[in-house]
Amino acid sequence: MIDPVQSRYKSIDELSKNHRENDKEITSGLMPESPGSLYCPVASFEKYITKLHPDCDRLWQRPRESFSDDETTWFYNKGVGEKKLKSFMSDLSVSCRLSQVNTNHSIRATGA
């Protein structure tokens, strides 16, 4: 199971093309918390990881067709496929009827 406290921090040795060892950028790597808010990302993430199927080692798991808040598991013992992850933000943008269709990369680029 993923530790909700540890998951709020970046790994010390997390390197990518935009974040190298000699970066001058100083970031805390913390997820901003909004205690008491219905939209608090920390509370949402913590709830998400408590509802994952305990026998599946994937962070993104296939959701069950229906579930209720009091059920212990909301997901099947199966990870989400690569194709589904590639189109996730586009599909979400369309289903939420956003004014523009976002891609996984556009969301990442906005954050950077």
PDB file of N, CA and C in Angstrom:
ATOM      1  N   MET A   1       0.852  -1.179   0.000  1.00  0.00           N
ATOM      2  CA  MET A   1       0.000   0.000   0.000  1.00  0.00           C
ATOM      3  C   MET A   1       0.897   1.242   0.000  1.00  0.00           C
ATOM      4  N   ILE A   2       0.470   2.271  -0.656  1.00  0.00           N
ATOM      5  CA  ILE A   2       1.217   3.523  -0.757  1.00  0.00           C
ATOM      6  C   ILE A   2       1.032   4.319   0.523  1.00  0.00           C
ATOM      7  N   ASP A   3       2.128   4.799   1.086  1.00  0.00           N
ATOM      8  CA  ASP A   3       2.078   5.596   2.309  1.00  0.00           C
ATOM      9  C   ASP A   3       1.623   7.010   1.956  1.00  0.00           C
ATOM     10  N   PRO A   4       0.445   7.469   2.448  1.00  0.00           N
ATOM     11  CA  PRO A   4      -0.061   8.793   2.080  1.00  0.00           C
ATOM     12  C   PRO A   4       0.840   9.938   2.515  1.00  0.00           C
ATOM     13  N   VAL A   5       1.568   9.781   3.601  1.00  0.00           N
ATOM     14  CA  VAL A   5       2.454  10.855   4.053  1.00  0.00           C
ATOM     15  C   VAL A   5       3.655  10.963   3.119  1.00  0.00           C
ATOM     16  N   GLN A   6       4.298   9.834   2.813  1.00  0.00           N
ATOM     17  CA  GLN A   6       5.459   9.850   1.937  1.00  0.00           C
ATOM     18  C   GLN A   6       5.105  10.279   0.511  1.00  0.00           C
ATOM     19  N   SER A   7       3.876   9.996   0.066  1.00  0.00           N
ATOM     20  CA  SER A   7       3.485  10.305  -1.308  1.00  0.00           C
ATOM     21  C   SER A   7       3.339  11.805  -1.549  1.00  0.00           C
ATOM     22  N   ARG A   8       3.355  12.619  -0.507  1.00  0.00           N
ATOM     23  CA  ARG A   8       3.245  14.073  -0.677  1.00  0.00           C
ATOM     24  C   ARG A   8       4.568  14.713  -1.074  1.00  0.00           C
ATOM     25  N   TYR A   9       5.673  13.985  -0.985  1.00  0.00           N
ATOM     26  CA  TYR A   9       6.991  14.548  -1.223  1.00  0.00           C
ATOM     27  C   TYR A   9       7.615  13.990  -2.487  1.00  0.00           C
ATOM     28  N   LYS A  10       8.423  14.816  -3.164  1.00  0.00           N
ATOM     29  CA  LYS A  10       9.198  14.337  -4.298  1.00  0.00           C
ATOM     30  C   LYS A  10      10.316  13.441  -3.785  1.00  0.00           C
ATOM     31  N   SER A  11      10.695  12.489  -4.601  1.00  0.00           N
ATOM     32  CA  SER A  11      11.862  11.682  -4.261  1.00  0.00           C
ATOM     33  C   SER A  11      13.096  12.559  -4.367  1.00  0.00           C
ATOM     34  N   ILE A  12      14.047  12.362  -3.493  1.00  0.00           N
ATOM     35  CA  ILE A  12      15.276  13.156  -3.521  1.00  0.00           C
ATOM     36  C   ILE A  12      16.030  12.939  -4.815  1.00  0.00           C
ATOM     37  N   ASP A  13      16.054  11.705  -5.319  1.00  0.00           N
ATOM     38  CA  ASP A  13      16.817  11.406  -6.518  1.00  0.00           C
ATOM     39  C   ASP A  13      15.952  11.393  -7.781  1.00  0.00           C
ATOM     40  N   GLU A  14      14.828  12.087  -7.758  1.00  0.00           N
ATOM     41  CA  GLU A  14      13.939  12.161  -8.912  1.00  0.00           C
ATOM     42  C   GLU A  14      14.527  13.131  -9.933  1.00  0.00           C
ATOM     43  N   LEU A  15      15.039  12.591 -11.031  1.00  0.00           N
ATOM     44  CA  LEU A  15      15.637  13.419 -12.065  1.00  0.00           C
ATOM     45  C   LEU A  15      14.857  13.272 -13.363  1.00  0.00           C
ATOM     46  N   SER A  16      14.740  14.341 -14.083  1.00  0.00           N
ATOM     47  CA  SER A  16      14.093  14.302 -15.391  1.00  0.00           C
ATOM     48  C   SER A  16      14.820  15.297 -16.279  1.00  0.00           C
ATOM     49  N   LYS A  17      14.361  15.437 -17.510  1.00  0.00           N
ATOM     50  CA  LYS A  17      15.031  16.368 -18.406  1.00  0.00           C
ATOM     51  C   LYS A  17      14.897  17.806 -17.912  1.00  0.00           C
ATOM     52  N   ASN A  18      13.862  18.127 -17.146  1.00  0.00           N
ATOM     53  CA  ASN A  18      13.648  19.481 -16.648  1.00  0.00           C
ATOM     54  C   ASN A  18      14.149  19.701 -15.228  1.00  0.00           C
ATOM     55  N   HIS A  19      14.465  18.639 -14.522  1.00  0.00           N
ATOM     56  CA  HIS A  19      14.916  18.766 -13.138  1.00  0.00           C
ATOM     57  C   HIS A  19      16.190  17.954 -12.961  1.00  0.00           C
ATOM     58  N   ARG A  20      17.319  18.627 -13.011  1.00  0.00           N
ATOM     59  CA  ARG A  20      18.619  17.985 -12.886  1.00  0.00           C
ATOM     60  C   ARG A  20      19.228  18.343 -11.538  1.00  0.00           C
ATOM     61  N   GLU A  21      20.306  17.671 -11.195  1.00  0.00           N
ATOM     62  CA  GLU A  21      20.947  17.866  -9.890  1.00  0.00           C
ATOM     63  C   GLU A  21      21.374  19.307  -9.642  1.00  0.00           C
ATOM     64  N   ASN A  22      21.812  19.998 -10.681  1.00  0.00           N
ATOM     65  CA  ASN A  22      22.333  21.349 -10.495  1.00  0.00           C
ATOM     66  C   ASN A  22      21.282  22.429 -10.721  1.00  0.00           C
ATOM     67  N   ASP A  23      19.997  22.067 -10.690  1.00  0.00           N
ATOM     68  CA  ASP A  23      18.939  23.073 -10.843  1.00  0.00           C
ATOM     69  C   ASP A  23      19.032  24.120  -9.744  1.00  0.00           C
ATOM     70  N   LYS A  24      18.780  25.360 -10.106  1.00  0.00           N
ATOM     71  CA  LYS A  24      18.766  26.436  -9.134  1.00  0.00           C
ATOM     72  C   LYS A  24      17.364  26.589  -8.527  1.00  0.00           C
ATOM     73  N   GLU A  25      16.381  25.929  -9.153  1.00  0.00           N
ATOM     74  CA  GLU A  25      15.003  26.009  -8.685  1.00  0.00           C
ATOM     75  C   GLU A  25      14.878  25.351  -7.314  1.00  0.00           C
ATOM     76  N   ILE A  26      14.246  26.050  -6.394  1.00  0.00           N
ATOM     77  CA  ILE A  26      14.017  25.495  -5.065  1.00  0.00           C
ATOM     78  C   ILE A  26      12.518  25.277  -4.917  1.00  0.00           C
ATOM     79  N   THR A  27      12.135  24.023  -4.753  1.00  0.00           N
ATOM     80  CA  THR A  27      10.726  23.701  -4.544  1.00  0.00           C
ATOM     81  C   THR A  27      10.599  22.783  -3.349  1.00  0.00           C
ATOM     82  N   SER A  28       9.452  22.835  -2.735  1.00  0.00           N
ATOM     83  CA  SER A  28       9.233  21.992  -1.574  1.00  0.00           C
ATOM     84  C   SER A  28       8.755  20.610  -1.968  1.00  0.00           C
ATOM     85  N   GLY A  29       8.137  20.475  -3.143  1.00  0.00           N
ATOM     86  CA  GLY A  29       7.615  19.196  -3.565  1.00  0.00           C
ATOM     87  C   GLY A  29       6.373  18.786  -2.795  1.00  0.00           C
ATOM     88  N   LEU A  30       5.760  19.716  -2.078  1.00  0.00           N
ATOM     89  CA  LEU A  30       4.562  19.407  -1.309  1.00  0.00           C
ATOM     90  C   LEU A  30       3.308  19.610  -2.153  1.00  0.00           C
ATOM     91  N   MET A  31       2.315  18.788  -1.899  1.00  0.00           N
ATOM     92  CA  MET A  31       1.014  18.976  -2.508  1.00  0.00           C
ATOM     93  C   MET A  31       0.262  19.993  -1.645  1.00  0.00           C
ATOM     94  N   PRO A  32      -0.274  21.079  -2.228  1.00  0.00           N
ATOM     95  CA  PRO A  32      -0.960  22.088  -1.415  1.00  0.00           C
ATOM     96  C   PRO A  32      -2.217  21.525  -0.765  1.00  0.00           C
ATOM     97  N   GLU A  33      -2.328  21.680   0.517  1.00  0.00           N
ATOM     98  CA  GLU A  33      -3.462  21.143   1.258  1.00  0.00           C
ATOM     99  C   GLU A  33      -4.471  22.247   1.548  1.00  0.00           C
ATOM    100  N   SER A  34      -5.750  21.919   1.470  1.00  0.00           N
ATOM    101  CA  SER A  34      -6.833  22.844   1.808  1.00  0.00           C
ATOM    102  C   SER A  34      -7.740  22.148   2.812  1.00  0.00           C
ATOM    103  N   PRO A  35      -7.323  22.096   4.074  1.00  0.00           N
ATOM    104  CA  PRO A  35      -8.105  21.356   5.082  1.00  0.00           C
ATOM    105  C   PRO A  35      -9.562  21.808   5.133  1.00  0.00           C
ATOM    106  N   GLY A  36     -10.456  20.834   5.170  1.00  0.00           N
ATOM    107  CA  GLY A  36     -11.878  21.134   5.259  1.00  0.00           C
ATOM    108  C   GLY A  36     -12.552  21.382   3.922  1.00  0.00           C
ATOM    109  N   SER A  37     -11.774  21.594   2.862  1.00  0.00           N
ATOM    110  CA  SER A  37     -12.351  21.854   1.548  1.00  0.00           C
ATOM    111  C   SER A  37     -12.762  20.540   0.885  1.00  0.00           C
ATOM    112  N   LEU A  38     -13.903  20.561   0.213  1.00  0.00           N
ATOM    113  CA  LEU A  38     -14.358  19.407  -0.545  1.00  0.00           C
ATOM    114  C   LEU A  38     -13.365  19.067  -1.662  1.00  0.00           C
ATOM    115  N   TYR A  39     -12.600  20.060  -2.112  1.00  0.00           N
ATOM    116  CA  TYR A  39     -11.673  19.888  -3.222  1.00  0.00           C
ATOM    117  C   TYR A  39     -10.211  19.798  -2.782  1.00  0.00           C
ATOM    118  N   CYS A  40      -9.955  19.515  -1.530  1.00  0.00           N
ATOM    119  CA  CYS A  40      -8.587  19.398  -1.032  1.00  0.00           C
ATOM    120  C   CYS A  40      -7.879  18.255  -1.756  1.00  0.00           C
ATOM    121  N   PRO A  41      -6.795  18.540  -2.500  1.00  0.00           N
ATOM    122  CA  PRO A  41      -6.124  17.474  -3.250  1.00  0.00           C
ATOM    123  C   PRO A  41      -5.486  16.422  -2.349  1.00  0.00           C
ATOM    124  N   VAL A  42      -5.016  16.810  -1.184  1.00  0.00           N
ATOM    125  CA  VAL A  42      -4.386  15.859  -0.273  1.00  0.00           C
ATOM    126  C   VAL A  42      -5.435  14.879   0.261  1.00  0.00           C
ATOM    127  N   ALA A  43      -6.569  15.395   0.732  1.00  0.00           N
ATOM    128  CA  ALA A  43      -7.629  14.530   1.240  1.00  0.00           C
ATOM    129  C   ALA A  43      -8.166  13.621   0.130  1.00  0.00           C
ATOM    130  N   SER A  44      -8.295  14.155  -1.086  1.00  0.00           N
ATOM    131  CA  SER A  44      -8.771  13.353  -2.215  1.00  0.00           C
ATOM    132  C   SER A  44      -7.799  12.217  -2.518  1.00  0.00           C
ATOM    133  N   PHE A  45      -6.512  12.521  -2.549  1.00  0.00           N
ATOM    134  CA  PHE A  45      -5.506  11.497  -2.830  1.00  0.00           C
ATOM    135  C   PHE A  45      -5.467  10.450  -1.726  1.00  0.00           C
ATOM    136  N   GLU A  46      -5.528  10.892  -0.487  1.00  0.00           N
ATOM    137  CA  GLU A  46      -5.510   9.944   0.633  1.00  0.00           C
ATOM    138  C   GLU A  46      -6.728   9.017   0.579  1.00  0.00           C
ATOM    139  N   LYS A  47      -7.882   9.565   0.227  1.00  0.00           N
ATOM    140  CA  LYS A  47      -9.080   8.726   0.110  1.00  0.00           C
ATOM    141  C   LYS A  47      -8.920   7.755  -1.049  1.00  0.00           C
ATOM    142  N   TYR A  48      -8.399   8.247  -2.172  1.00  0.00           N
ATOM    143  CA  TYR A  48      -8.182   7.404  -3.355  1.00  0.00           C
ATOM    144  C   TYR A  48      -7.326   6.188  -3.006  1.00  0.00           C
ATOM    145  N   ILE A  49      -6.215   6.391  -2.349  1.00  0.00           N
ATOM    146  CA  ILE A  49      -5.333   5.254  -2.078  1.00  0.00           C
ATOM    147  C   ILE A  49      -5.922   4.286  -1.057  1.00  0.00           C
ATOM    148  N   THR A  50      -6.845   4.743  -0.220  1.00  0.00           N
ATOM    149  CA  THR A  50      -7.480   3.811   0.710  1.00  0.00           C
ATOM    150  C   THR A  50      -8.522   2.937   0.008  1.00  0.00           C
ATOM    151  N   LYS A  51      -8.996   3.353  -1.162  1.00  0.00           N
ATOM    152  CA  LYS A  51     -10.020   2.608  -1.894  1.00  0.00           C
ATOM    153  C   LYS A  51      -9.440   1.697  -2.977  1.00  0.00           C
ATOM    154  N   LEU A  52      -8.114   1.715  -3.161  1.00  0.00           N
ATOM    155  CA  LEU A  52      -7.470   0.847  -4.151  1.00  0.00           C
ATOM    156  C   LEU A  52      -7.591  -0.611  -3.743  1.00  0.00           C
ATOM    157  N   HIS A  53      -7.564  -1.491  -4.735  1.00  0.00           N
ATOM    158  CA  HIS A  53      -7.620  -2.924  -4.461  1.00  0.00           C
ATOM    159  C   HIS A  53      -6.295  -3.337  -3.815  1.00  0.00           C
ATOM    160  N   PRO A  54      -6.323  -3.970  -2.647  1.00  0.00           N
ATOM    161  CA  PRO A  54      -5.086  -4.273  -1.921  1.00  0.00           C
ATOM    162  C   PRO A  54      -4.185  -5.297  -2.604  1.00  0.00           C
ATOM    163  N   ASP A  55      -4.726  -6.110  -3.523  1.00  0.00           N
ATOM    164  CA  ASP A  55      -3.912  -7.121  -4.192  1.00  0.00           C
ATOM    165  C   ASP A  55      -3.274  -6.621  -5.479  1.00  0.00           C
ATOM    166  N   CYS A  56      -3.565  -5.403  -5.868  1.00  0.00           N
ATOM    167  CA  CYS A  56      -3.009  -4.832  -7.100  1.00  0.00           C
ATOM    168  C   CYS A  56      -1.933  -3.818  -6.729  1.00  0.00           C
ATOM    169  N   ASP A  57      -0.766  -3.920  -7.356  1.00  0.00           N
ATOM    170  CA  ASP A  57       0.341  -3.025  -7.018  1.00  0.00           C
ATOM    171  C   ASP A  57       0.406  -1.779  -7.900  1.00  0.00           C
ATOM    172  N   ARG A  58      -0.613  -1.524  -8.696  1.00  0.00           N
ATOM    173  CA  ARG A  58      -0.647  -0.364  -9.583  1.00  0.00           C
ATOM    174  C   ARG A  58      -1.318   0.815  -8.904  1.00  0.00           C
ATOM    175  N   LEU A  59      -0.802   2.028  -9.160  1.00  0.00           N
ATOM    176  CA  LEU A  59      -1.423   3.236  -8.617  1.00  0.00           C
ATOM    177  C   LEU A  59      -2.732   3.536  -9.344  1.00  0.00           C
ATOM    178  N   TRP A  60      -2.736   3.360 -10.678  1.00  0.00           N
ATOM    179  CA  TRP A  60      -3.941   3.601 -11.469  1.00  0.00           C
ATOM    180  C   TRP A  60      -4.590   2.254 -11.739  1.00  0.00           C
ATOM    181  N   GLN A  61      -5.732   2.012 -11.080  1.00  0.00           N
ATOM    182  CA  GLN A  61      -6.440   0.750 -11.190  1.00  0.00           C
ATOM    183  C   GLN A  61      -7.773   0.943 -11.903  1.00  0.00           C
ATOM    184  N   ARG A  62      -8.269  -0.144 -12.511  1.00  0.00           N
ATOM    185  CA  ARG A  62      -9.532  -0.078 -13.239  1.00  0.00           C
ATOM    186  C   ARG A  62     -10.690   0.064 -12.244  1.00  0.00           C
ATOM    187  N   PRO A  63     -11.484   1.136 -12.358  1.00  0.00           N
ATOM    188  CA  PRO A  63     -12.597   1.347 -11.411  1.00  0.00           C
ATOM    189  C   PRO A  63     -13.762   0.390 -11.676  1.00  0.00           C
ATOM    190  N   ARG A  64     -14.443   0.010 -10.623  1.00  0.00           N
ATOM    191  CA  ARG A  64     -15.647  -0.799 -10.759  1.00  0.00           C
ATOM    192  C   ARG A  64     -16.744   0.062 -11.358  1.00  0.00           C
ATOM    193  N   GLU A  65     -17.735  -0.573 -11.975  1.00  0.00           N
ATOM    194  CA  GLU A  65     -18.828   0.165 -12.629  1.00  0.00           C
ATOM    195  C   GLU A  65     -19.641   0.970 -11.624  1.00  0.00           C
ATOM    196  N   SER A  66     -19.817   0.437 -10.419  1.00  0.00           N
ATOM    197  CA  SER A  66     -20.535   1.171  -9.382  1.00  0.00           C
ATOM    198  C   SER A  66     -19.979   0.792  -8.016  1.00  0.00           C
ATOM    199  N   PHE A  67     -20.084   1.708  -7.095  1.00  0.00           N
ATOM    200  CA  PHE A  67     -19.601   1.496  -5.732  1.00  0.00           C
ATOM    201  C   PHE A  67     -20.206   2.578  -4.854  1.00  0.00           C
ATOM    202  N   SER A  68     -20.156   2.372  -3.562  1.00  0.00           N
ATOM    203  CA  SER A  68     -20.650   3.395  -2.634  1.00  0.00           C
ATOM    204  C   SER A  68     -19.501   3.817  -1.726  1.00  0.00           C
ATOM    205  N   ASP A  69     -19.672   4.948  -1.102  1.00  0.00           N
ATOM    206  CA  ASP A  69     -18.605   5.531  -0.285  1.00  0.00           C
ATOM    207  C   ASP A  69     -18.169   4.621   0.859  1.00  0.00           C
ATOM    208  N   ASP A  70     -19.086   3.819   1.387  1.00  0.00           N
ATOM    209  CA  ASP A  70     -18.739   2.982   2.537  1.00  0.00           C
ATOM    210  C   ASP A  70     -18.070   1.657   2.158  1.00  0.00           C
ATOM    211  N   GLU A  71     -17.969   1.347   0.851  1.00  0.00           N
ATOM    212  CA  GLU A  71     -17.282   0.125   0.430  1.00  0.00           C
ATOM    213  C   GLU A  71     -15.772   0.298   0.588  1.00  0.00           C
ATOM    214  N   THR A  72     -15.092  -0.791   0.918  1.00  0.00           N
ATOM    215  CA  THR A  72     -13.644  -0.710   1.160  1.00  0.00           C
ATOM    216  C   THR A  72     -12.837  -0.614  -0.125  1.00  0.00           C
ATOM    217  N   THR A  73     -13.332  -1.181  -1.222  1.00  0.00           N
ATOM    218  CA  THR A  73     -12.591  -1.179  -2.487  1.00  0.00           C
ATOM    219  C   THR A  73     -13.467  -0.637  -3.602  1.00  0.00           C
ATOM    220  N   TRP A  74     -12.952   0.299  -4.379  1.00  0.00           N
ATOM    221  CA  TRP A  74     -13.679   0.861  -5.514  1.00  0.00           C
ATOM    222  C   TRP A  74     -13.119   0.376  -6.842  1.00  0.00           C
ATOM    223  N   PHE A  75     -12.085  -0.457  -6.795  1.00  0.00           N
ATOM    224  CA  PHE A  75     -11.362  -0.829  -8.004  1.00  0.00           C
ATOM    225  C   PHE A  75     -11.206  -2.331  -8.143  1.00  0.00           C
ATOM    226  N   TYR A  76     -11.044  -2.782  -9.394  1.00  0.00           N
ATOM    227  CA  TYR A  76     -10.750  -4.179  -9.670  1.00  0.00           C
ATOM    228  C   TYR A  76      -9.273  -4.441  -9.395  1.00  0.00           C
ATOM    229  N   ASN A  77      -8.929  -5.694  -9.287  1.00  0.00           N
ATOM    230  CA  ASN A  77      -7.532  -6.098  -9.114  1.00  0.00           C
ATOM    231  C   ASN A  77      -6.855  -6.096 -10.486  1.00  0.00           C
ATOM    232  N   LYS A  78      -6.857  -4.944 -11.132  1.00  0.00           N
ATOM    233  CA  LYS A  78      -6.300  -4.806 -12.473  1.00  0.00           C
ATOM    234  C   LYS A  78      -5.894  -3.356 -12.699  1.00  0.00           C
ATOM    235  N   GLY A  79      -4.702  -3.155 -13.220  1.00  0.00           N
ATOM    236  CA  GLY A  79      -4.240  -1.808 -13.522  1.00  0.00           C
ATOM    237  C   GLY A  79      -4.921  -1.247 -14.763  1.00  0.00           C
ATOM    238  N   VAL A  80      -4.927   0.063 -14.886  1.00  0.00           N
ATOM    239  CA  VAL A  80      -5.444   0.727 -16.078  1.00  0.00           C
ATOM    240  C   VAL A  80      -4.420   0.543 -17.188  1.00  0.00           C
ATOM    241  N   GLY A  81      -4.897   0.292 -18.395  1.00  0.00           N
ATOM    242  CA  GLY A  81      -4.008   0.056 -19.530  1.00  0.00           C
ATOM    243  C   GLY A  81      -3.303   1.313 -20.031  1.00  0.00           C
ATOM    244  N   GLU A  82      -2.239   1.090 -20.789  1.00  0.00           N
ATOM    245  CA  GLU A  82      -1.430   2.190 -21.331  1.00  0.00           C
ATOM    246  C   GLU A  82      -2.240   3.102 -22.247  1.00  0.00           C
ATOM    247  N   LYS A  83      -3.087   2.533 -23.098  1.00  0.00           N
ATOM    248  CA  LYS A  83      -3.889   3.350 -24.015  1.00  0.00           C
ATOM    249  C   LYS A  83      -4.853   4.251 -23.246  1.00  0.00           C
ATOM    250  N   LYS A  84      -5.445   3.722 -22.197  1.00  0.00           N
ATOM    251  CA  LYS A  84      -6.373   4.514 -21.386  1.00  0.00           C
ATOM    252  C   LYS A  84      -5.644   5.665 -20.696  1.00  0.00           C
ATOM    253  N   LEU A  85      -4.455   5.394 -20.181  1.00  0.00           N
ATOM    254  CA  LEU A  85      -3.682   6.452 -19.523  1.00  0.00           C
ATOM    255  C   LEU A  85      -3.258   7.537 -20.505  1.00  0.00           C
ATOM    256  N   LYS A  86      -2.933   7.143 -21.739  1.00  0.00           N
ATOM    257  CA  LYS A  86      -2.498   8.121 -22.744  1.00  0.00           C
ATOM    258  C   LYS A  86      -3.607   9.117 -23.086  1.00  0.00           C
ATOM    259  N   SER A  87      -4.851   8.646 -23.054  1.00  0.00           N
ATOM    260  CA  SER A  87      -5.968   9.528 -23.434  1.00  0.00           C
ATOM    261  C   SER A  87      -6.757  10.031 -22.225  1.00  0.00           C
ATOM    262  N   PHE A  88      -6.245   9.814 -21.032  1.00  0.00           N
ATOM    263  CA  PHE A  88      -6.996  10.119 -19.816  1.00  0.00           C
ATOM    264  C   PHE A  88      -7.467  11.573 -19.734  1.00  0.00           C
ATOM    265  N   MET A  89      -6.573  12.526 -19.853  1.00  0.00           N
ATOM    266  CA  MET A  89      -6.958  13.938 -19.693  1.00  0.00           C
ATOM    267  C   MET A  89      -7.878  14.402 -20.820  1.00  0.00           C
ATOM    268  N   SER A  90      -7.639  13.920 -22.042  1.00  0.00           N
ATOM    269  CA  SER A  90      -8.520  14.285 -23.159  1.00  0.00           C
ATOM    270  C   SER A  90      -9.925  13.765 -22.911  1.00  0.00           C
ATOM    271  N   ASP A  91     -10.039  12.491 -22.516  1.00  0.00           N
ATOM    272  CA  ASP A  91     -11.346  11.897 -22.233  1.00  0.00           C
ATOM    273  C   ASP A  91     -12.048  12.616 -21.076  1.00  0.00           C
ATOM    274  N   LEU A  92     -11.280  12.947 -20.046  1.00  0.00           N
ATOM    275  CA  LEU A  92     -11.840  13.646 -18.889  1.00  0.00           C
ATOM    276  C   LEU A  92     -12.339  15.038 -19.275  1.00  0.00           C
ATOM    277  N   SER A  93     -11.570  15.746 -20.091  1.00  0.00           N
ATOM    278  CA  SER A  93     -11.971  17.083 -20.549  1.00  0.00           C
ATOM    279  C   SER A  93     -13.292  17.029 -21.308  1.00  0.00           C
ATOM    280  N   VAL A  94     -13.434  16.032 -22.168  1.00  0.00           N
ATOM    281  CA  VAL A  94     -14.661  15.897 -22.952  1.00  0.00           C
ATOM    282  C   VAL A  94     -15.838  15.528 -22.054  1.00  0.00           C
ATOM    283  N   SER A  95     -15.642  14.553 -21.167  1.00  0.00           N
ATOM    284  CA  SER A  95     -16.758  14.119 -20.313  1.00  0.00           C
ATOM    285  C   SER A  95     -17.193  15.195 -19.318  1.00  0.00           C
ATOM    286  N   CYS A  96     -16.265  16.084 -18.940  1.00  0.00           N
ATOM    287  CA  CYS A  96     -16.611  17.185 -18.024  1.00  0.00           C
ATOM    288  C   CYS A  96     -17.070  18.434 -18.768  1.00  0.00           C
ATOM    289  N   ARG A  97     -17.079  18.362 -20.094  1.00  0.00           N
ATOM    290  CA  ARG A  97     -17.502  19.472 -20.955  1.00  0.00           C
ATOM    291  C   ARG A  97     -16.711  20.756 -20.689  1.00  0.00           C
ATOM    292  N   LEU A  98     -15.406  20.599 -20.586  1.00  0.00           N
ATOM    293  CA  LEU A  98     -14.545  21.767 -20.383  1.00  0.00           C
ATOM    294  C   LEU A  98     -14.519  22.607 -21.652  1.00  0.00           C
ATOM    295  N   SER A  99     -14.156  23.873 -21.526  1.00  0.00           N
ATOM    296  CA  SER A  99     -14.141  24.775 -22.672  1.00  0.00           C
ATOM    297  C   SER A  99     -13.039  24.426 -23.669  1.00  0.00           C
ATOM    298  N   GLN A 100     -12.034  23.705 -23.230  1.00  0.00           N
ATOM    299  CA  GLN A 100     -10.992  23.239 -24.140  1.00  0.00           C
ATOM    300  C   GLN A 100     -10.598  21.820 -23.746  1.00  0.00           C
ATOM    301  N   VAL A 101     -10.102  21.072 -24.713  1.00  0.00           N
ATOM    302  CA  VAL A 101      -9.670  19.705 -24.445  1.00  0.00           C
ATOM    303  C   VAL A 101      -8.212  19.748 -24.014  1.00  0.00           C
ATOM    304  N   ASN A 102      -7.955  19.273 -22.815  1.00  0.00           N
ATOM    305  CA  ASN A 102      -6.596  19.220 -22.288  1.00  0.00           C
ATOM    306  C   ASN A 102      -5.989  17.850 -22.563  1.00  0.00           C
ATOM    307  N   THR A 103      -4.673  17.822 -22.700  1.00  0.00           N
ATOM    308  CA  THR A 103      -3.957  16.566 -22.870  1.00  0.00           C
ATOM    309  C   THR A 103      -3.117  16.317 -21.619  1.00  0.00           C
ATOM    310  N   ASN A 104      -2.603  15.119 -21.485  1.00  0.00           N
ATOM    311  CA  ASN A 104      -1.715  14.832 -20.358  1.00  0.00           C
ATOM    312  C   ASN A 104      -0.550  15.819 -20.369  1.00  0.00           C
ATOM    313  N   HIS A 105       0.009  16.069 -21.544  1.00  0.00           N
ATOM    314  CA  HIS A 105       1.159  16.976 -21.625  1.00  0.00           C
ATOM    315  C   HIS A 105       0.785  18.432 -21.308  1.00  0.00           C
ATOM    316  N   SER A 106      -0.374  18.879 -21.763  1.00  0.00           N
ATOM    317  CA  SER A 106      -0.744  20.283 -21.506  1.00  0.00           C
ATOM    318  C   SER A 106      -0.934  20.526 -20.023  1.00  0.00           C
ATOM    319  N   ILE A 107      -1.451  19.543 -19.306  1.00  0.00           N
ATOM    320  CA  ILE A 107      -1.608  19.697 -17.862  1.00  0.00           C
ATOM    321  C   ILE A 107      -0.248  19.715 -17.199  1.00  0.00           C
ATOM    322  N   ARG A 108       0.666  18.851 -17.610  1.00  0.00           N
ATOM    323  CA  ARG A 108       2.010  18.804 -17.064  1.00  0.00           C
ATOM    324  C   ARG A 108       2.757  20.102 -17.361  1.00  0.00           C
ATOM    325  N   ALA A 109       2.624  20.582 -18.592  1.00  0.00           N
ATOM    326  CA  ALA A 109       3.320  21.807 -18.976  1.00  0.00           C
ATOM    327  C   ALA A 109       2.803  23.004 -18.189  1.00  0.00           C
ATOM    328  N   THR A 110       1.500  23.026 -17.912  1.00  0.00           N
ATOM    329  CA  THR A 110       0.924  24.110 -17.119  1.00  0.00           C
ATOM    330  C   THR A 110       1.526  24.124 -15.707  1.00  0.00           C
ATOM    331  N   GLY A 111       1.665  22.947 -15.127  1.00  0.00           N
ATOM    332  CA  GLY A 111       2.252  22.850 -13.793  1.00  0.00           C
ATOM    333  C   GLY A 111       3.702  23.256 -13.753  1.00  0.00           C
ATOM    334  N   ALA A 112       4.440  22.956 -14.810  1.00  0.00           N
ATOM    335  CA  ALA A 112       5.865  23.281 -14.853  1.00  0.00           C
ATOM    336  C   ALA A 112       6.024  24.772 -15.051  1.00  0.00           C
TER     337      ALA A 112
END
